[in-house]
């Protein structure tokens, strides 16, 4: 029985350290890449709404999101998920919506514009 308690304590310690390391890693990515300065506030709000709520993102904001870069996009989404305000959200669902938003924006930006 004592070994079960030690094992449980180790698992909790590992998960706690892993979460702390993930938070620190995301913060380093965000700061190192100046992620928070690469999108305007209106587009940040559109992207947030399309990922964390129900909404769409305009082609203009898709351009800003793709310009932000996938590394910054992923780090910002993960840091937001770590915020206690969003603890009731399903991480799997948010990550799926994040990937979907990224892929939709990438396809929109990469697609040739219709000629006049």
PDB file of N, CA and C in Angstrom:
ATOM      1  N   UNK A   1       0.814  -1.195   0.000  1.00  0.00           N
ATOM      2  CA  UNK A   1       0.000   0.000   0.000  1.00  0.00           C
ATOM      3  C   UNK A   1       0.862   1.265   0.000  1.00  0.00           C
ATOM      4  N   UNK A   2       1.979   1.224   0.708  1.00  0.00           N
ATOM      5  CA  UNK A   2       2.876   2.376   0.752  1.00  0.00           C
ATOM      6  C   UNK A   2       3.446   2.672  -0.624  1.00  0.00           C
ATOM      7  N   UNK A   3       3.739   1.627  -1.398  1.00  0.00           N
ATOM      8  CA  UNK A   3       4.290   1.857  -2.734  1.00  0.00           C
ATOM      9  C   UNK A   3       3.259   2.530  -3.637  1.00  0.00           C
ATOM     10  N   UNK A   4       1.986   2.245  -3.428  1.00  0.00           N
ATOM     11  CA  UNK A   4       0.934   2.895  -4.206  1.00  0.00           C
ATOM     12  C   UNK A   4       0.906   4.391  -3.898  1.00  0.00           C
ATOM     13  N   UNK A   5       1.057   4.763  -2.630  1.00  0.00           N
ATOM     14  CA  UNK A   5       1.066   6.174  -2.250  1.00  0.00           C
ATOM     15  C   UNK A   5       2.285   6.886  -2.818  1.00  0.00           C
ATOM     16  N   UNK A   6       3.446   6.220  -2.805  1.00  0.00           N
ATOM     17  CA  UNK A   6       4.656   6.803  -3.367  1.00  0.00           C
ATOM     18  C   UNK A   6       4.476   6.989  -4.870  1.00  0.00           C
ATOM     19  N   UNK A   7       3.909   5.971  -5.520  1.00  0.00           N
ATOM     20  CA  UNK A   7       3.666   6.048  -6.961  1.00  0.00           C
ATOM     21  C   UNK A   7       2.711   7.197  -7.269  1.00  0.00           C
ATOM     22  N   UNK A   8       1.645   7.318  -6.497  1.00  0.00           N
ATOM     23  CA  UNK A   8       0.670   8.399  -6.703  1.00  0.00           C
ATOM     24  C   UNK A   8       1.333   9.758  -6.536  1.00  0.00           C
ATOM     25  N   UNK A   9       2.174   9.877  -5.518  1.00  0.00           N
ATOM     26  CA  UNK A   9       2.873  11.140  -5.286  1.00  0.00           C
ATOM     27  C   UNK A   9       3.803  11.468  -6.444  1.00  0.00           C
ATOM     28  N   UNK A  10       4.487  10.468  -6.980  1.00  0.00           N
ATOM     29  CA  UNK A  10       5.374  10.685  -8.116  1.00  0.00           C
ATOM     30  C   UNK A  10       4.602  11.104  -9.358  1.00  0.00           C
ATOM     31  N   UNK A  11       3.458  10.492  -9.587  1.00  0.00           N
ATOM     32  CA  UNK A  11       2.629  10.853 -10.739  1.00  0.00           C
ATOM     33  C   UNK A  11       2.165  12.305 -10.621  1.00  0.00           C
ATOM     34  N   UNK A  12       1.698  12.692  -9.438  1.00  0.00           N
ATOM     35  CA  UNK A  12       1.253  14.069  -9.227  1.00  0.00           C
ATOM     36  C   UNK A  12       2.423  15.033  -9.425  1.00  0.00           C
ATOM     37  N   UNK A  13       3.582  14.693  -8.871  1.00  0.00           N
ATOM     38  CA  UNK A  13       4.763  15.531  -9.031  1.00  0.00           C
ATOM     39  C   UNK A  13       5.145  15.671 -10.504  1.00  0.00           C
ATOM     40  N   UNK A  14       5.136  14.557 -11.229  1.00  0.00           N
ATOM     41  CA  UNK A  14       5.478  14.567 -12.650  1.00  0.00           C
ATOM     42  C   UNK A  14       4.503  15.429 -13.443  1.00  0.00           C
ATOM     43  N   UNK A  15       3.212  15.267 -13.187  1.00  0.00           N
ATOM     44  CA  UNK A  15       2.209  16.051 -13.912  1.00  0.00           C
ATOM     45  C   UNK A  15       2.312  17.533 -13.572  1.00  0.00           C
ATOM     46  N   UNK A  16       2.559  17.853 -12.317  1.00  0.00           N
ATOM     47  CA  UNK A  16       2.697  19.250 -11.907  1.00  0.00           C
ATOM     48  C   UNK A  16       3.918  19.883 -12.555  1.00  0.00           C
ATOM     49  N   UNK A  17       5.046  19.171 -12.520  1.00  0.00           N
ATOM     50  CA  UNK A  17       6.269  19.701 -13.141  1.00  0.00           C
ATOM     51  C   UNK A  17       6.090  19.825 -14.649  1.00  0.00           C
ATOM     52  N   UNK A  18       5.424  18.867 -15.253  1.00  0.00           N
ATOM     53  CA  UNK A  18       5.182  18.917 -16.694  1.00  0.00           C
ATOM     54  C   UNK A  18       4.344  20.112 -17.078  1.00  0.00           C
ATOM     55  N   UNK A  19       3.322  20.403 -16.290  1.00  0.00           N
ATOM     56  CA  UNK A  19       2.471  21.564 -16.568  1.00  0.00           C
ATOM     57  C   UNK A  19       3.253  22.855 -16.392  1.00  0.00           C
ATOM     58  N   UNK A  20       4.066  22.918 -15.343  1.00  0.00           N
ATOM     59  CA  UNK A  20       4.876  24.115 -15.118  1.00  0.00           C
ATOM     60  C   UNK A  20       5.888  24.299 -16.244  1.00  0.00           C
ATOM     61  N   UNK A  21       6.483  23.210 -16.702  1.00  0.00           N
ATOM     62  CA  UNK A  21       7.444  23.296 -17.796  1.00  0.00           C
ATOM     63  C   UNK A  21       6.746  23.723 -19.076  1.00  0.00           C
ATOM     64  N   UNK A  22       5.539  23.207 -19.321  1.00  0.00           N
ATOM     65  CA  UNK A  22       4.801  23.582 -20.524  1.00  0.00           C
ATOM     66  C   UNK A  22       4.488  25.073 -20.502  1.00  0.00           C
ATOM     67  N   UNK A  23       4.066  25.579 -19.348  1.00  0.00           N
ATOM     68  CA  UNK A  23       3.757  26.998 -19.229  1.00  0.00           C
ATOM     69  C   UNK A  23       5.003  27.832 -19.503  1.00  0.00           C
ATOM     70  N   UNK A  24       6.116  27.439 -18.894  1.00  0.00           N
ATOM     71  CA  UNK A  24       7.366  28.175 -19.076  1.00  0.00           C
ATOM     72  C   UNK A  24       7.822  28.106 -20.532  1.00  0.00           C
ATOM     73  N   UNK A  25       7.691  26.948 -21.146  1.00  0.00           N
ATOM     74  CA  UNK A  25       8.097  26.781 -22.547  1.00  0.00           C
ATOM     75  C   UNK A  25       7.250  27.658 -23.464  1.00  0.00           C
ATOM     76  N   UNK A  26       5.933  27.666 -23.254  1.00  0.00           N
ATOM     77  CA  UNK A  26       5.054  28.509 -24.068  1.00  0.00           C
ATOM     78  C   UNK A  26       5.391  29.980 -23.890  1.00  0.00           C
ATOM     79  N   UNK A  27       5.639  30.403 -22.655  1.00  0.00           N
ATOM     80  CA  UNK A  27       6.007  31.799 -22.405  1.00  0.00           C
ATOM     81  C   UNK A  27       7.316  32.163 -23.110  1.00  0.00           C
ATOM     82  N   UNK A  28       8.280  31.244 -23.099  1.00  0.00           N
ATOM     83  CA  UNK A  28       9.554  31.502 -23.768  1.00  0.00           C
ATOM     84  C   UNK A  28       9.365  31.620 -25.278  1.00  0.00           C
ATOM     85  N   UNK A  29       8.535  30.758 -25.839  1.00  0.00           N
ATOM     86  CA  UNK A  29       8.248  30.813 -27.277  1.00  0.00           C
ATOM     87  C   UNK A  29       7.588  32.148 -27.616  1.00  0.00           C
ATOM     88  N   UNK A  30       6.598  32.524 -26.820  1.00  0.00           N
ATOM     89  CA  UNK A  30       5.846  33.757 -27.070  1.00  0.00           C
ATOM     90  C   UNK A  30       6.754  34.983 -26.968  1.00  0.00           C
ATOM     91  N   UNK A  31       7.571  35.039 -25.928  1.00  0.00           N
ATOM     92  CA  UNK A  31       8.473  36.183 -25.752  1.00  0.00           C
ATOM     93  C   UNK A  31       9.581  36.178 -26.795  1.00  0.00           C
ATOM     94  N   UNK A  32      10.163  35.014 -27.047  1.00  0.00           N
ATOM     95  CA  UNK A  32      11.277  34.910 -27.983  1.00  0.00           C
ATOM     96  C   UNK A  32      10.903  35.258 -29.414  1.00  0.00           C
ATOM     97  N   UNK A  33       9.651  35.042 -29.772  1.00  0.00           N
ATOM     98  CA  UNK A  33       9.189  35.313 -31.135  1.00  0.00           C
ATOM     99  C   UNK A  33       8.336  36.574 -31.240  1.00  0.00           C
ATOM    100  N   UNK A  34       8.246  37.343 -30.160  1.00  0.00           N
ATOM    101  CA  UNK A  34       7.408  38.554 -30.133  1.00  0.00           C
ATOM    102  C   UNK A  34       5.990  38.271 -30.619  1.00  0.00           C
ATOM    103  N   UNK A  35       5.449  37.136 -30.215  1.00  0.00           N
ATOM    104  CA  UNK A  35       4.139  36.690 -30.703  1.00  0.00           C
ATOM    105  C   UNK A  35       3.006  37.663 -30.383  1.00  0.00           C
ATOM    106  N   UNK A  36       3.092  38.330 -29.247  1.00  0.00           N
ATOM    107  CA  UNK A  36       1.989  39.183 -28.813  1.00  0.00           C
ATOM    108  C   UNK A  36       1.914  40.503 -29.566  1.00  0.00           C
ATOM    109  N   UNK A  37       2.891  40.781 -30.422  1.00  0.00           N
ATOM    110  CA  UNK A  37       2.905  42.058 -31.143  1.00  0.00           C
ATOM    111  C   UNK A  37       2.622  41.899 -32.637  1.00  0.00           C
ATOM    112  N   UNK A  38       2.367  40.690 -33.087  1.00  0.00           N
ATOM    113  CA  UNK A  38       2.270  40.432 -34.525  1.00  0.00           C
ATOM    114  C   UNK A  38       0.855  40.519 -35.104  1.00  0.00           C
ATOM    115  N   UNK A  39      -0.158  40.638 -34.257  1.00  0.00           N
ATOM    116  CA  UNK A  39      -1.537  40.750 -34.742  1.00  0.00           C
ATOM    117  C   UNK A  39      -2.193  41.955 -34.082  1.00  0.00           C
ATOM    118  N   UNK A  40      -3.070  42.618 -34.834  1.00  0.00           N
ATOM    119  CA  UNK A  40      -3.846  43.709 -34.274  1.00  0.00           C
ATOM    120  C   UNK A  40      -4.950  43.163 -33.384  1.00  0.00           C
ATOM    121  N   UNK A  41      -5.396  43.976 -32.429  1.00  0.00           N
ATOM    122  CA  UNK A  41      -6.417  43.554 -31.472  1.00  0.00           C
ATOM    123  C   UNK A  41      -7.709  43.062 -32.133  1.00  0.00           C
ATOM    124  N   UNK A  42      -8.233  43.736 -33.169  1.00  0.00           N
ATOM    125  CA  UNK A  42      -9.468  43.226 -33.789  1.00  0.00           C
ATOM    126  C   UNK A  42      -9.303  41.796 -34.329  1.00  0.00           C
ATOM    127  N   UNK A  43      -8.140  41.514 -34.907  1.00  0.00           N
ATOM    128  CA  UNK A  43      -7.911  40.168 -35.451  1.00  0.00           C
ATOM    129  C   UNK A  43      -7.649  39.148 -34.346  1.00  0.00           C
ATOM    130  N   UNK A  44      -7.018  39.595 -33.271  1.00  0.00           N
ATOM    131  CA  UNK A  44      -6.831  38.706 -32.113  1.00  0.00           C
ATOM    132  C   UNK A  44      -8.197  38.277 -31.595  1.00  0.00           C
ATOM    133  N   UNK A  45      -9.114  39.236 -31.488  1.00  0.00           N
ATOM    134  CA  UNK A  45     -10.460  38.928 -30.997  1.00  0.00           C
ATOM    135  C   UNK A  45     -11.206  37.996 -31.948  1.00  0.00           C
ATOM    136  N   UNK A  46     -11.067  38.210 -33.249  1.00  0.00           N
ATOM    137  CA  UNK A  46     -11.707  37.315 -34.223  1.00  0.00           C
ATOM    138  C   UNK A  46     -11.154  35.900 -34.115  1.00  0.00           C
ATOM    139  N   UNK A  47      -9.839  35.783 -34.045  1.00  0.00           N
ATOM    140  CA  UNK A  47      -9.212  34.466 -33.943  1.00  0.00           C
ATOM    141  C   UNK A  47      -9.633  33.781 -32.648  1.00  0.00           C
ATOM    142  N   UNK A  48      -9.627  34.531 -31.550  1.00  0.00           N
ATOM    143  CA  UNK A  48     -10.037  33.976 -30.258  1.00  0.00           C
ATOM    144  C   UNK A  48     -11.462  33.451 -30.330  1.00  0.00           C
ATOM    145  N   UNK A  49     -12.358  34.259 -30.892  1.00  0.00           N
ATOM    146  CA  UNK A  49     -13.757  33.868 -30.984  1.00  0.00           C
ATOM    147  C   UNK A  49     -13.930  32.619 -31.840  1.00  0.00           C
ATOM    148  N   UNK A  50     -13.185  32.526 -32.935  1.00  0.00           N
ATOM    149  CA  UNK A  50     -13.334  31.365 -33.808  1.00  0.00           C
ATOM    150  C   UNK A  50     -12.785  30.088 -33.171  1.00  0.00           C
ATOM    151  N   UNK A  51     -11.872  30.225 -32.221  1.00  0.00           N
ATOM    152  CA  UNK A  51     -11.269  29.044 -31.585  1.00  0.00           C
ATOM    153  C   UNK A  51     -11.940  28.720 -30.257  1.00  0.00           C
ATOM    154  N   UNK A  52     -12.147  29.712 -29.408  1.00  0.00           N
ATOM    155  CA  UNK A  52     -12.630  29.465 -28.053  1.00  0.00           C
ATOM    156  C   UNK A  52     -14.137  29.635 -27.902  1.00  0.00           C
ATOM    157  N   UNK A  53     -14.777  30.217 -28.884  1.00  0.00           N
ATOM    158  CA  UNK A  53     -16.229  30.399 -28.839  1.00  0.00           C
ATOM    159  C   UNK A  53     -16.788  29.943 -30.178  1.00  0.00           C
ATOM    160  N   UNK A  54     -17.830  30.595 -30.644  1.00  0.00           N
ATOM    161  CA  UNK A  54     -18.396  30.270 -31.956  1.00  0.00           C
ATOM    162  C   UNK A  54     -18.324  31.531 -32.791  1.00  0.00           C
ATOM    163  N   UNK A  55     -17.610  31.457 -33.889  1.00  0.00           N
ATOM    164  CA  UNK A  55     -17.468  32.622 -34.745  1.00  0.00           C
ATOM    165  C   UNK A  55     -16.610  32.293 -35.946  1.00  0.00           C
ATOM    166  N   UNK A  56     -16.467  33.273 -36.801  1.00  0.00           N
ATOM    167  CA  UNK A  56     -15.655  33.102 -37.995  1.00  0.00           C
ATOM    168  C   UNK A  56     -14.516  34.104 -37.966  1.00  0.00           C
ATOM    169  N   UNK A  57     -13.551  33.861 -38.824  1.00  0.00           N
ATOM    170  CA  UNK A  57     -12.411  34.752 -38.934  1.00  0.00           C
ATOM    171  C   UNK A  57     -12.337  35.258 -40.374  1.00  0.00           C
ATOM    172  N   UNK A  58     -12.190  36.548 -40.544  1.00  0.00           N
ATOM    173  CA  UNK A  58     -12.169  37.169 -41.871  1.00  0.00           C
ATOM    174  C   UNK A  58     -10.882  36.825 -42.614  1.00  0.00           C
ATOM    175  N   UNK A  59     -10.892  37.045 -43.906  1.00  0.00           N
ATOM    176  CA  UNK A  59      -9.687  36.774 -44.695  1.00  0.00           C
ATOM    177  C   UNK A  59      -8.551  37.711 -44.283  1.00  0.00           C
ATOM    178  N   UNK A  60      -8.880  38.946 -43.934  1.00  0.00           N
ATOM    179  CA  UNK A  60      -7.853  39.889 -43.451  1.00  0.00           C
ATOM    180  C   UNK A  60      -7.184  39.332 -42.197  1.00  0.00           C
ATOM    181  N   UNK A  61      -7.991  38.862 -41.268  1.00  0.00           N
ATOM    182  CA  UNK A  61      -7.441  38.328 -40.016  1.00  0.00           C
ATOM    183  C   UNK A  61      -6.763  36.980 -40.231  1.00  0.00           C
ATOM    184  N   UNK A  62      -7.224  36.227 -41.218  1.00  0.00           N
ATOM    185  CA  UNK A  62      -6.509  34.992 -41.569  1.00  0.00           C
ATOM    186  C   UNK A  62      -5.083  35.326 -42.017  1.00  0.00           C
ATOM    187  N   UNK A  63      -4.963  36.418 -42.787  1.00  0.00           N
ATOM    188  CA  UNK A  63      -3.641  36.849 -43.226  1.00  0.00           C
ATOM    189  C   UNK A  63      -2.747  37.198 -42.044  1.00  0.00           C
ATOM    190  N   UNK A  64      -3.322  37.877 -41.051  1.00  0.00           N
ATOM    191  CA  UNK A  64      -2.541  38.220 -39.862  1.00  0.00           C
ATOM    192  C   UNK A  64      -2.193  36.970 -39.051  1.00  0.00           C
ATOM    193  N   UNK A  65      -3.141  36.031 -38.975  1.00  0.00           N
ATOM    194  CA  UNK A  65      -2.898  34.792 -38.229  1.00  0.00           C
ATOM    195  C   UNK A  65      -1.771  33.987 -38.875  1.00  0.00           C
ATOM    196  N   UNK A  66      -1.823  33.839 -40.193  1.00  0.00           N
ATOM    197  CA  UNK A  66      -0.773  33.102 -40.900  1.00  0.00           C
ATOM    198  C   UNK A  66       0.554  33.853 -40.772  1.00  0.00           C
ATOM    199  N   UNK A  67       0.511  35.189 -40.809  1.00  0.00           N
ATOM    200  CA  UNK A  67       1.714  35.988 -40.612  1.00  0.00           C
ATOM    201  C   UNK A  67       2.299  35.822 -39.211  1.00  0.00           C
ATOM    202  N   UNK A  68       1.438  35.550 -38.249  1.00  0.00           N
ATOM    203  CA  UNK A  68       1.866  35.285 -36.876  1.00  0.00           C
ATOM    204  C   UNK A  68       2.766  34.048 -36.830  1.00  0.00           C
ATOM    205  N   UNK A  69       2.391  33.039 -37.614  1.00  0.00           N
ATOM    206  CA  UNK A  69       3.165  31.803 -37.656  1.00  0.00           C
ATOM    207  C   UNK A  69       2.548  30.724 -36.786  1.00  0.00           C
ATOM    208  N   UNK A  70       2.737  29.494 -37.208  1.00  0.00           N
ATOM    209  CA  UNK A  70       2.138  28.356 -36.504  1.00  0.00           C
ATOM    210  C   UNK A  70       2.709  28.189 -35.095  1.00  0.00           C
ATOM    211  N   UNK A  71       4.000  28.428 -34.926  1.00  0.00           N
ATOM    212  CA  UNK A  71       4.623  28.266 -33.606  1.00  0.00           C
ATOM    213  C   UNK A  71       3.990  29.235 -32.607  1.00  0.00           C
ATOM    214  N   UNK A  72       3.856  30.496 -32.999  1.00  0.00           N
ATOM    215  CA  UNK A  72       3.230  31.490 -32.120  1.00  0.00           C
ATOM    216  C   UNK A  72       1.760  31.156 -31.886  1.00  0.00           C
ATOM    217  N   UNK A  73       1.072  30.799 -32.941  1.00  0.00           N
ATOM    218  CA  UNK A  73      -0.355  30.460 -32.837  1.00  0.00           C
ATOM    219  C   UNK A  73      -0.555  29.343 -31.814  1.00  0.00           C
ATOM    220  N   UNK A  74       0.201  28.278 -31.956  1.00  0.00           N
ATOM    221  CA  UNK A  74       0.063  27.123 -31.052  1.00  0.00           C
ATOM    222  C   UNK A  74       0.423  27.496 -29.619  1.00  0.00           C
ATOM    223  N   UNK A  75       1.495  28.244 -29.438  1.00  0.00           N
ATOM    224  CA  UNK A  75       1.922  28.631 -28.081  1.00  0.00           C
ATOM    225  C   UNK A  75       0.882  29.522 -27.412  1.00  0.00           C
ATOM    226  N   UNK A  76       0.292  30.447 -28.160  1.00  0.00           N
ATOM    227  CA  UNK A  76      -0.724  31.333 -27.592  1.00  0.00           C
ATOM    228  C   UNK A  76      -1.988  30.564 -27.217  1.00  0.00           C
ATOM    229  N   UNK A  77      -2.388  29.620 -28.059  1.00  0.00           N
ATOM    230  CA  UNK A  77      -3.568  28.803 -27.745  1.00  0.00           C
ATOM    231  C   UNK A  77      -3.296  27.978 -26.492  1.00  0.00           C
ATOM    232  N   UNK A  78      -2.126  27.349 -26.415  1.00  0.00           N
ATOM    233  CA  UNK A  78      -1.810  26.513 -25.259  1.00  0.00           C
ATOM    234  C   UNK A  78      -1.721  27.360 -23.980  1.00  0.00           C
ATOM    235  N   UNK A  79      -1.140  28.550 -24.064  1.00  0.00           N
ATOM    236  CA  UNK A  79      -1.057  29.411 -22.881  1.00  0.00           C
ATOM    237  C   UNK A  79      -2.453  29.833 -22.438  1.00  0.00           C
ATOM    238  N   UNK A  80      -3.332  30.102 -23.388  1.00  0.00           N
ATOM    239  CA  UNK A  80      -4.703  30.473 -23.034  1.00  0.00           C
ATOM    240  C   UNK A  80      -5.395  29.309 -22.335  1.00  0.00           C
ATOM    241  N   UNK A  81      -5.191  28.104 -22.831  1.00  0.00           N
ATOM    242  CA  UNK A  81      -5.792  26.925 -22.199  1.00  0.00           C
ATOM    243  C   UNK A  81      -5.290  26.721 -20.770  1.00  0.00           C
ATOM    244  N   UNK A  82      -4.074  27.174 -20.481  1.00  0.00           N
ATOM    245  CA  UNK A  82      -3.512  27.031 -19.138  1.00  0.00           C
ATOM    246  C   UNK A  82      -4.115  28.034 -18.147  1.00  0.00           C
ATOM    247  N   UNK A  83      -4.811  29.052 -18.655  1.00  0.00           N
ATOM    248  CA  UNK A  83      -5.412  30.070 -17.806  1.00  0.00           C
ATOM    249  C   UNK A  83      -6.606  29.454 -17.058  1.00  0.00           C
ATOM    250  N   UNK A  84      -6.670  29.635 -15.736  1.00  0.00           N
ATOM    251  CA  UNK A  84      -7.783  29.072 -14.956  1.00  0.00           C
ATOM    252  C   UNK A  84      -9.171  29.517 -15.429  1.00  0.00           C
ATOM    253  N   UNK A  85      -9.259  30.655 -16.100  1.00  0.00           N
ATOM    254  CA  UNK A  85     -10.561  31.107 -16.613  1.00  0.00           C
ATOM    255  C   UNK A  85     -11.145  30.150 -17.642  1.00  0.00           C
ATOM    256  N   UNK A  86     -10.272  29.355 -18.273  1.00  0.00           N
ATOM    257  CA  UNK A  86     -10.721  28.460 -19.335  1.00  0.00           C
ATOM    258  C   UNK A  86     -10.652  26.997 -18.920  1.00  0.00           C
ATOM    259  N   UNK A  87     -10.618  26.731 -17.611  1.00  0.00           N
ATOM    260  CA  UNK A  87     -10.459  25.364 -17.117  1.00  0.00           C
ATOM    261  C   UNK A  87     -11.636  24.455 -17.470  1.00  0.00           C
ATOM    262  N   UNK A  88     -12.806  25.019 -17.716  1.00  0.00           N
ATOM    263  CA  UNK A  88     -13.975  24.206 -18.029  1.00  0.00           C
ATOM    264  C   UNK A  88     -14.072  23.826 -19.508  1.00  0.00           C
ATOM    265  N   UNK A  89     -13.200  24.385 -20.334  1.00  0.00           N
ATOM    266  CA  UNK A  89     -13.218  24.056 -21.755  1.00  0.00           C
ATOM    267  C   UNK A  89     -12.489  22.741 -22.001  1.00  0.00           C
ATOM    268  N   UNK A  90     -12.897  22.048 -23.029  1.00  0.00           N
ATOM    269  CA  UNK A  90     -12.245  20.794 -23.412  1.00  0.00           C
ATOM    270  C   UNK A  90     -10.985  21.115 -24.219  1.00  0.00           C
ATOM    271  N   UNK A  91      -9.802  20.805 -23.675  1.00  0.00           N
ATOM    272  CA  UNK A  91      -8.567  21.069 -24.422  1.00  0.00           C
ATOM    273  C   UNK A  91      -8.552  20.394 -25.795  1.00  0.00           C
ATOM    274  N   UNK A  92      -9.047  19.169 -25.875  1.00  0.00           N
ATOM    275  CA  UNK A  92      -9.052  18.455 -27.159  1.00  0.00           C
ATOM    276  C   UNK A  92      -9.908  19.195 -28.185  1.00  0.00           C
ATOM    277  N   UNK A  93     -11.044  19.703 -27.752  1.00  0.00           N
ATOM    278  CA  UNK A  93     -11.942  20.430 -28.663  1.00  0.00           C
ATOM    279  C   UNK A  93     -11.312  21.757 -29.099  1.00  0.00           C
ATOM    280  N   UNK A  94     -10.688  22.455 -28.166  1.00  0.00           N
ATOM    281  CA  UNK A  94     -10.057  23.739 -28.481  1.00  0.00           C
ATOM    282  C   UNK A  94      -8.874  23.532 -29.423  1.00  0.00           C
ATOM    283  N   UNK A  95      -8.068  22.534 -29.152  1.00  0.00           N
ATOM    284  CA  UNK A  95      -6.925  22.251 -30.031  1.00  0.00           C
ATOM    285  C   UNK A  95      -7.408  21.881 -31.425  1.00  0.00           C
ATOM    286  N   UNK A  96      -8.480  21.090 -31.512  1.00  0.00           N
ATOM    287  CA  UNK A  96      -9.041  20.727 -32.815  1.00  0.00           C
ATOM    288  C   UNK A  96      -9.542  21.970 -33.555  1.00  0.00           C
ATOM    289  N   UNK A  97     -10.225  22.879 -32.843  1.00  0.00           N
ATOM    290  CA  UNK A  97     -10.709  24.114 -33.469  1.00  0.00           C
ATOM    291  C   UNK A  97      -9.542  25.013 -33.867  1.00  0.00           C
ATOM    292  N   UNK A  98      -8.495  25.008 -33.072  1.00  0.00           N
ATOM    293  CA  UNK A  98      -7.311  25.794 -33.378  1.00  0.00           C
ATOM    294  C   UNK A  98      -6.659  25.306 -34.675  1.00  0.00           C
ATOM    295  N   UNK A  99      -6.527  23.993 -34.793  1.00  0.00           N
ATOM    296  CA  UNK A  99      -5.937  23.402 -36.002  1.00  0.00           C
ATOM    297  C   UNK A  99      -6.833  23.680 -37.203  1.00  0.00           C
ATOM    298  N   UNK A 100      -8.136  23.536 -37.015  1.00  0.00           N
ATOM    299  CA  UNK A 100      -9.081  23.787 -38.101  1.00  0.00           C
ATOM    300  C   UNK A 100      -9.009  25.246 -38.559  1.00  0.00           C
ATOM    301  N   UNK A 101      -8.972  26.176 -37.612  1.00  0.00           N
ATOM    302  CA  UNK A 101      -8.874  27.602 -37.954  1.00  0.00           C
ATOM    303  C   UNK A 101      -7.576  27.876 -38.698  1.00  0.00           C
ATOM    304  N   UNK A 102      -6.469  27.325 -38.200  1.00  0.00           N
ATOM    305  CA  UNK A 102      -5.169  27.505 -38.852  1.00  0.00           C
ATOM    306  C   UNK A 102      -5.209  26.973 -40.285  1.00  0.00           C
ATOM    307  N   UNK A 103      -5.692  25.739 -40.452  1.00  0.00           N
ATOM    308  CA  UNK A 103      -5.724  25.115 -41.785  1.00  0.00           C
ATOM    309  C   UNK A 103      -6.644  25.883 -42.739  1.00  0.00           C
ATOM    310  N   UNK A 104      -7.793  26.328 -42.246  1.00  0.00           N
ATOM    311  CA  UNK A 104      -8.711  27.109 -43.084  1.00  0.00           C
ATOM    312  C   UNK A 104      -8.061  28.421 -43.522  1.00  0.00           C
ATOM    313  N   UNK A 105      -7.381  29.089 -42.594  1.00  0.00           N
ATOM    314  CA  UNK A 105      -6.709  30.350 -42.929  1.00  0.00           C
ATOM    315  C   UNK A 105      -5.561  30.112 -43.903  1.00  0.00           C
ATOM    316  N   UNK A 106      -4.811  29.071 -43.676  1.00  0.00           N
ATOM    317  CA  UNK A 106      -3.687  28.755 -44.559  1.00  0.00           C
ATOM    318  C   UNK A 106      -4.192  28.480 -45.976  1.00  0.00           C
ATOM    319  N   UNK A 107      -5.282  27.717 -46.088  1.00  0.00           N
ATOM    320  CA  UNK A 107      -5.861  27.419 -47.406  1.00  0.00           C
ATOM    321  C   UNK A 107      -6.372  28.699 -48.067  1.00  0.00           C
ATOM    322  N   UNK A 108      -6.983  29.575 -47.283  1.00  0.00           N
ATOM    323  CA  UNK A 108      -7.514  30.828 -47.815  1.00  0.00           C
ATOM    324  C   UNK A 108      -6.389  31.731 -48.312  1.00  0.00           C
ATOM    325  N   UNK A 109      -5.321  31.814 -47.564  1.00  0.00           N
ATOM    326  CA  UNK A 109      -4.197  32.674 -47.918  1.00  0.00           C
ATOM    327  C   UNK A 109      -3.418  32.084 -49.092  1.00  0.00           C
ATOM    328  N   UNK A 110      -3.279  30.763 -49.134  1.00  0.00           N
ATOM    329  CA  UNK A 110      -2.523  30.103 -50.198  1.00  0.00           C
ATOM    330  C   UNK A 110      -3.290  30.000 -51.515  1.00  0.00           C
ATOM    331  N   UNK A 111      -4.620  30.117 -51.462  1.00  0.00           N
ATOM    332  CA  UNK A 111      -5.398  29.970 -52.684  1.00  0.00           C
ATOM    333  C   UNK A 111      -5.248  31.211 -53.559  1.00  0.00           C
ATOM    334  N   UNK A 112      -5.131  30.988 -54.847  1.00  0.00           N
ATOM    335  CA  UNK A 112      -4.976  32.162 -55.741  1.00  0.00           C
ATOM    336  C   UNK A 112      -6.248  32.987 -55.759  1.00  0.00           C
ATOM    337  N   UNK A 113      -6.084  34.291 -55.772  1.00  0.00           N
ATOM    338  CA  UNK A 113      -7.255  35.156 -55.813  1.00  0.00           C
ATOM    339  C   UNK A 113      -7.826  35.150 -57.228  1.00  0.00           C
ATOM    340  N   UNK A 114      -9.132  35.275 -57.354  1.00  0.00           N
ATOM    341  CA  UNK A 114      -9.739  35.288 -58.690  1.00  0.00           C
ATOM    342  C   UNK A 114      -9.273  36.497 -59.504  1.00  0.00           C
ATOM    343  N   UNK A 115      -9.004  36.274 -60.746  1.00  0.00           N
ATOM    344  CA  UNK A 115      -8.556  37.389 -61.582  1.00  0.00           C
ATOM    345  C   UNK A 115      -9.740  38.231 -62.013  1.00  0.00           C
ATOM    346  N   UNK A 116      -9.488  39.492 -62.183  1.00  0.00           N
ATOM    347  CA  UNK A 116     -10.567  40.425 -62.523  1.00  0.00           C
ATOM    348  C   UNK A 116     -10.863  40.434 -63.993  1.00  0.00           C
TER     349      UNK A 116
END
